[in-house]
Amino acid sequence: MIPTQDILLQTFIKEHRDHGFDLELLKTVSEQFDLELDGDHGVYHWHRVYKNTLILAKHYNIASQVFMLFALFHDSRRANEGIDPMHGKRGAKYARSLQKSNKILNALSTSDFSLLEYACSSHTKIDRENPLVDERIAQICWDADRLDIGRVGFVVDPTYLSTGYAKEVCMMRKKI
């Protein structure tokens, strides 16, 4: 890892240390990331997605390790910065592959791990047939990602948001 990447990761971890971020997991995911860490789907995006999950989760009074893990894994296996419809499924599989070797992943309940896999797999196209579609944790994950869509030149469309509060946040941002 080049020094600037290490500084980038250290800054990320310093800001989120109180939220249970695991430096070793962050390093593992970033070292296996095929794209530029400072690219559209890299560590700055992971940071903003995680911050968005915290904002939304606070509103709904929900605490979950799934938010941090989603921020890390949802785009972790992208093959490119453009269209890559299977990257979320690959990210979910990657999380599963690390489950036994990582204390945070290993400590997740079966239901939380299922939520993480579903949220990652469905974050670009929601599988509405899955019974987890109404789970607030998954919805917060998707909305946190969508609220950061401006980084790639799109405007957030509230019709694609799953939670009422994310829609409010979107409308507040439009007024600014």
Protein backbone atom coordinates (compact mmCIF):
# COMPACT_ATOMS: atom_id res chain seq x y z
CA MET A 1 0.00 0.00 0.00
CA ILE A 2 1.44 3.39 -0.92
CA PRO A 3 1.79 5.95 1.90
CA THR A 4 -0.96 8.29 0.66
CA GLN A 5 -3.41 5.39 0.66
CA ASP A 6 -2.37 4.52 4.20
CA ILE A 7 -2.91 8.14 5.29
CA LEU A 8 -6.32 8.10 3.61
CA LEU A 9 -7.29 4.95 5.52
CA GLN A 10 -5.91 6.26 8.82
CA THR A 11 -7.98 9.44 8.44
CA PHE A 12 -11.07 7.35 7.71
CA ILE A 13 -10.54 5.13 10.74
CA LYS A 14 -9.78 8.08 13.05
CA GLU A 15 -13.09 9.71 12.20
CA HIS A 16 -15.07 6.49 12.71
CA ARG A 17 -13.16 4.79 15.55
CA ASP A 18 -15.98 5.46 18.03
CA HIS A 19 -18.42 3.70 15.72
CA GLY A 20 -16.64 0.35 15.81
CA PHE A 21 -14.71 0.57 12.56
CA ASP A 22 -12.08 -2.13 12.35
CA LEU A 23 -8.79 -0.92 10.85
CA GLU A 24 -7.77 -4.42 9.84
CA LEU A 25 -11.02 -5.02 7.97
CA LEU A 26 -10.74 -1.62 6.27
CA LYS A 27 -7.17 -2.46 5.21
CA THR A 28 -8.18 -5.92 3.98
CA VAL A 29 -11.04 -4.55 1.87
CA SER A 30 -9.01 -1.64 0.52
CA GLU A 31 -6.04 -3.85 -0.40
CA GLN A 32 -8.35 -6.10 -2.43
CA PHE A 33 -10.14 -3.15 -4.06
CA ASP A 34 -9.40 -3.22 -7.80
CA LEU A 35 -10.13 0.45 -8.48
CA GLU A 36 -8.48 3.65 -7.28
CA LEU A 37 -9.11 4.11 -3.56
CA ASP A 38 -9.82 7.80 -4.16
CA GLY A 39 -12.10 7.10 -7.14
CA ASP A 40 -15.88 7.50 -7.41
CA HIS A 41 -16.56 4.21 -5.60
CA GLY A 42 -13.58 4.22 -3.23
CA VAL A 43 -12.91 5.18 0.35
CA TYR A 44 -14.36 8.72 0.17
CA HIS A 45 -17.62 7.20 -1.04
CA TRP A 46 -17.51 4.52 1.68
CA HIS A 47 -17.02 7.33 4.20
CA ARG A 48 -19.99 9.37 2.92
CA VAL A 49 -22.23 6.30 2.75
CA TYR A 50 -21.36 5.42 6.33
CA LYS A 51 -22.01 9.00 7.49
CA ASN A 52 -25.36 8.92 5.68
CA THR A 53 -26.29 5.63 7.41
CA LEU A 54 -25.52 7.22 10.77
CA ILE A 55 -27.75 10.22 10.02
CA LEU A 56 -30.63 8.05 8.86
CA ALA A 57 -30.19 5.46 11.61
CA LYS A 58 -30.18 8.16 14.30
CA HIS A 59 -33.51 9.43 13.01
CA TYR A 60 -34.99 5.92 13.23
CA ASN A 61 -33.18 5.14 16.51
CA ILE A 62 -31.45 2.08 15.03
CA ALA A 63 -27.95 0.86 15.83
CA SER A 64 -26.41 -1.90 13.71
CA GLN A 65 -22.99 -3.09 12.59
CA VAL A 66 -24.61 -3.74 9.20
CA PHE A 67 -24.29 -0.02 8.38
CA MET A 68 -20.50 0.01 8.69
CA LEU A 69 -20.16 -3.28 6.86
CA PHE A 70 -22.45 -2.18 4.04
CA ALA A 71 -20.41 0.99 3.56
CA LEU A 72 -17.27 -1.14 3.15
CA PHE A 73 -18.61 -4.03 1.08
CA HIS A 74 -21.37 -2.70 -1.20
CA ASP A 75 -18.91 -1.42 -3.87
CA SER A 76 -15.83 -3.38 -2.75
CA ARG A 77 -15.83 -5.79 -5.69
CA ARG A 78 -16.53 -3.40 -8.54
CA ALA A 79 -14.73 -4.24 -11.76
CA ASN A 80 -14.97 -0.68 -13.07
CA GLU A 81 -16.32 2.79 -12.28
CA GLY A 82 -19.10 2.43 -14.85
CA ILE A 83 -21.84 -0.14 -15.35
CA ASP A 84 -21.18 -3.29 -13.31
CA PRO A 85 -24.53 -4.87 -12.42
CA MET A 86 -23.10 -7.81 -10.46
CA HIS A 87 -20.73 -5.88 -8.18
CA GLY A 88 -23.13 -5.85 -5.22
CA LYS A 89 -23.52 -9.63 -5.32
CA ARG A 90 -19.75 -9.99 -5.53
CA GLY A 91 -19.40 -7.64 -2.54
CA ALA A 92 -21.83 -9.79 -0.54
CA LYS A 93 -19.89 -12.94 -1.46
CA TYR A 94 -16.66 -11.23 -0.48
CA ALA A 95 -18.08 -10.37 2.96
CA ARG A 96 -19.15 -14.00 3.36
CA SER A 97 -15.65 -15.17 2.41
CA LEU A 98 -14.15 -13.07 5.23
CA GLN A 99 -16.74 -13.99 7.84
CA LYS A 100 -14.76 -16.65 9.70
CA SER A 101 -11.52 -14.65 9.73
CA ASN A 102 -12.95 -11.31 10.91
CA LYS A 103 -14.29 -10.83 14.44
CA ILE A 104 -16.92 -8.23 13.45
CA LEU A 105 -18.28 -10.25 10.54
CA ASN A 106 -18.14 -13.45 12.58
CA ALA A 107 -20.04 -11.84 15.46
CA LEU A 108 -23.00 -10.82 13.29
CA SER A 109 -26.18 -12.75 13.92
CA THR A 110 -27.47 -14.89 11.07
CA SER A 111 -30.27 -12.40 10.45
CA ASP A 112 -27.89 -9.42 10.36
CA PHE A 113 -25.56 -11.22 7.97
CA SER A 114 -28.53 -11.97 5.73
CA LEU A 115 -29.45 -8.26 5.83
CA LEU A 116 -25.88 -7.30 4.90
CA GLU A 117 -25.84 -9.73 1.96
CA TYR A 118 -29.26 -8.60 0.77
CA ALA A 119 -28.45 -4.89 1.12
CA CYS A 120 -25.19 -5.29 -0.84
CA SER A 121 -26.68 -7.57 -3.50
CA SER A 122 -29.70 -5.35 -4.08
CA HIS A 123 -28.28 -1.86 -3.71
CA THR A 124 -28.35 -1.04 -7.43
CA LYS A 125 -31.59 -2.86 -8.23
CA ILE A 126 -33.76 -3.72 -5.26
CA ASP A 127 -35.11 -7.27 -5.24
CA ARG A 128 -38.68 -6.48 -4.23
CA GLU A 129 -39.56 -10.19 -4.07
CA ASN A 130 -37.19 -10.75 -1.15
CA PRO A 131 -38.99 -10.75 2.21
CA LEU A 132 -36.23 -8.48 3.60
CA VAL A 133 -37.31 -5.60 1.33
CA ASP A 134 -39.22 -3.96 4.18
CA GLU A 135 -36.35 -4.19 6.68
CA ARG A 136 -35.44 -0.66 7.76
CA ILE A 137 -31.72 -1.49 8.06
CA ALA A 138 -31.54 -2.51 4.38
CA GLN A 139 -33.54 0.55 3.37
CA ILE A 140 -31.18 2.84 5.28
CA CYS A 141 -28.21 1.23 3.54
CA TRP A 142 -29.69 1.77 0.08
CA ASP A 143 -30.72 5.34 0.85
CA ALA A 144 -27.30 6.17 2.29
CA ASP A 145 -25.72 5.08 -0.99
CA ARG A 146 -28.28 6.87 -3.15
CA LEU A 147 -27.89 10.12 -1.21
CA ASP A 148 -24.28 10.15 -2.46
CA ILE A 149 -25.15 9.69 -6.16
CA GLY A 150 -24.20 13.29 -6.92
CA ARG A 151 -20.51 12.26 -6.95
CA VAL A 152 -21.06 10.63 -10.36
CA GLY A 153 -23.09 13.46 -11.87
CA PHE A 154 -26.63 12.36 -11.05
CA VAL A 155 -29.22 14.23 -9.01
CA VAL A 156 -30.84 12.28 -6.18
CA ASP A 157 -34.34 11.27 -7.24
CA PRO A 158 -36.56 10.88 -4.14
CA THR A 159 -38.69 8.27 -5.91
CA TYR A 160 -35.73 5.87 -5.63
CA LEU A 161 -35.39 6.41 -1.88
CA SER A 162 -36.91 3.88 0.51
CA THR A 163 -37.31 5.86 3.73
CA GLY A 164 -39.36 8.93 4.44
CA TYR A 165 -36.50 10.61 6.25
CA ALA A 166 -34.09 10.13 3.34
CA LYS A 167 -36.68 11.83 1.13
CA GLU A 168 -36.80 14.72 3.62
CA VAL A 169 -33.00 14.96 3.63
CA CYS A 170 -33.02 14.98 -0.16
CA MET A 171 -35.56 17.80 -0.27
CA MET A 172 -33.61 19.80 2.36
CA ARG A 173 -30.43 19.45 0.27
CA LYS A 174 -32.25 20.67 -2.83
CA LYS A 175 -33.29 23.84 -0.99
CA ILE A 176 -29.69 24.66 -0.09
